[in-house]
């Protein structure tokens, strides 16, 4: 867990995120975020392109199919 203070920017407040957090979440300055709250907590969720998860799953399946034998041999 980490803590951050808000920073004043042009009459508003900004939450600065470390480069590591941005990398883990795969977000940058062009990312669109959904903000929600339960009245106490702020939840910031990146809005992903439609079909992104499906493309990821297809890529993973392709890699597993292509390298399954080699990965199994390495695991032994």
Protein backbone atom coordinates (compact mmCIF):
# COMPACT_ATOMS: atom_id res chain seq x y z
CA UNK A 1 0.00 0.00 0.00
CA UNK A 2 1.15 3.51 -0.72
CA UNK A 3 -0.15 6.94 0.20
CA UNK A 4 -0.31 10.08 -1.91
CA UNK A 5 -1.34 13.68 -1.38
CA UNK A 6 -3.39 15.54 -3.94
CA UNK A 7 -1.62 18.23 -5.95
CA UNK A 8 -3.21 21.56 -6.90
CA UNK A 9 -3.47 21.93 -10.70
CA UNK A 10 -5.28 24.80 -12.44
CA UNK A 11 -7.84 25.31 -9.66
CA UNK A 12 -8.47 21.56 -9.29
CA UNK A 13 -6.70 18.67 -7.62
CA UNK A 14 -4.70 15.87 -9.23
CA UNK A 15 -3.56 12.50 -7.92
CA UNK A 16 -0.02 11.72 -9.07
CA UNK A 17 0.69 8.06 -9.84
CA UNK A 18 4.13 6.42 -9.97
CA UNK A 19 5.45 5.11 -13.29
CA UNK A 20 5.33 1.56 -11.86
CA UNK A 21 1.62 1.83 -11.09
CA UNK A 22 0.95 3.22 -14.56
CA UNK A 23 2.84 0.32 -16.11
CA UNK A 24 1.05 -2.32 -14.04
CA UNK A 25 -2.34 -0.86 -14.99
CA UNK A 26 -1.24 -0.27 -18.60
CA UNK A 27 -2.42 3.34 -18.56
CA UNK A 28 -0.92 6.60 -19.78
CA UNK A 29 -1.95 10.21 -20.35
CA UNK A 30 -4.30 9.14 -23.16
CA UNK A 31 -6.19 6.58 -21.05
CA UNK A 32 -9.84 7.25 -20.25
CA UNK A 33 -10.77 6.49 -16.64
CA UNK A 34 -14.13 5.75 -15.00
CA UNK A 35 -14.54 7.32 -11.55
CA UNK A 36 -16.97 5.94 -8.99
CA UNK A 37 -17.45 6.23 -5.26
CA UNK A 38 -19.40 4.63 -2.44
CA UNK A 39 -19.37 7.91 -0.54
CA UNK A 40 -16.08 7.09 1.20
CA UNK A 41 -13.78 5.47 -1.35
CA UNK A 42 -12.80 6.65 -4.81
CA UNK A 43 -12.44 3.91 -7.43
CA UNK A 44 -10.55 4.76 -10.63
CA UNK A 45 -11.00 2.17 -13.39
CA UNK A 46 -9.38 2.30 -16.82
CA UNK A 47 -11.88 1.94 -19.65
CA UNK A 48 -10.45 -0.62 -22.05
CA UNK A 49 -11.09 -0.88 -25.77
CA UNK A 50 -13.85 -3.32 -26.66
CA UNK A 51 -12.50 -6.71 -27.62
CA UNK A 52 -9.20 -6.17 -25.81
CA UNK A 53 -9.69 -9.13 -23.48
CA UNK A 54 -10.71 -11.37 -26.38
CA UNK A 55 -7.57 -10.40 -28.36
CA UNK A 56 -5.44 -11.09 -25.27
CA UNK A 57 -7.01 -14.51 -24.76
CA UNK A 58 -6.52 -15.39 -28.44
CA UNK A 59 -2.86 -14.32 -28.31
CA UNK A 60 -2.25 -16.35 -25.16
CA UNK A 61 -3.89 -19.43 -26.67
CA UNK A 62 -1.76 -19.07 -29.79
CA UNK A 63 1.45 -18.85 -27.74
CA UNK A 64 0.49 -21.84 -25.60
CA UNK A 65 -0.33 -23.91 -28.69
CA UNK A 66 2.93 -22.99 -30.41
CA UNK A 67 5.27 -23.44 -27.43
CA UNK A 68 3.43 -26.02 -25.30
CA UNK A 69 5.93 -28.83 -25.92
CA UNK A 70 8.97 -26.64 -25.29
CA UNK A 71 7.48 -25.16 -22.11
CA UNK A 72 6.55 -28.63 -20.81
CA UNK A 73 10.10 -29.88 -21.45
CA UNK A 74 11.57 -26.87 -19.67
CA UNK A 75 9.30 -27.47 -16.67
CA UNK A 76 10.61 -31.03 -16.26
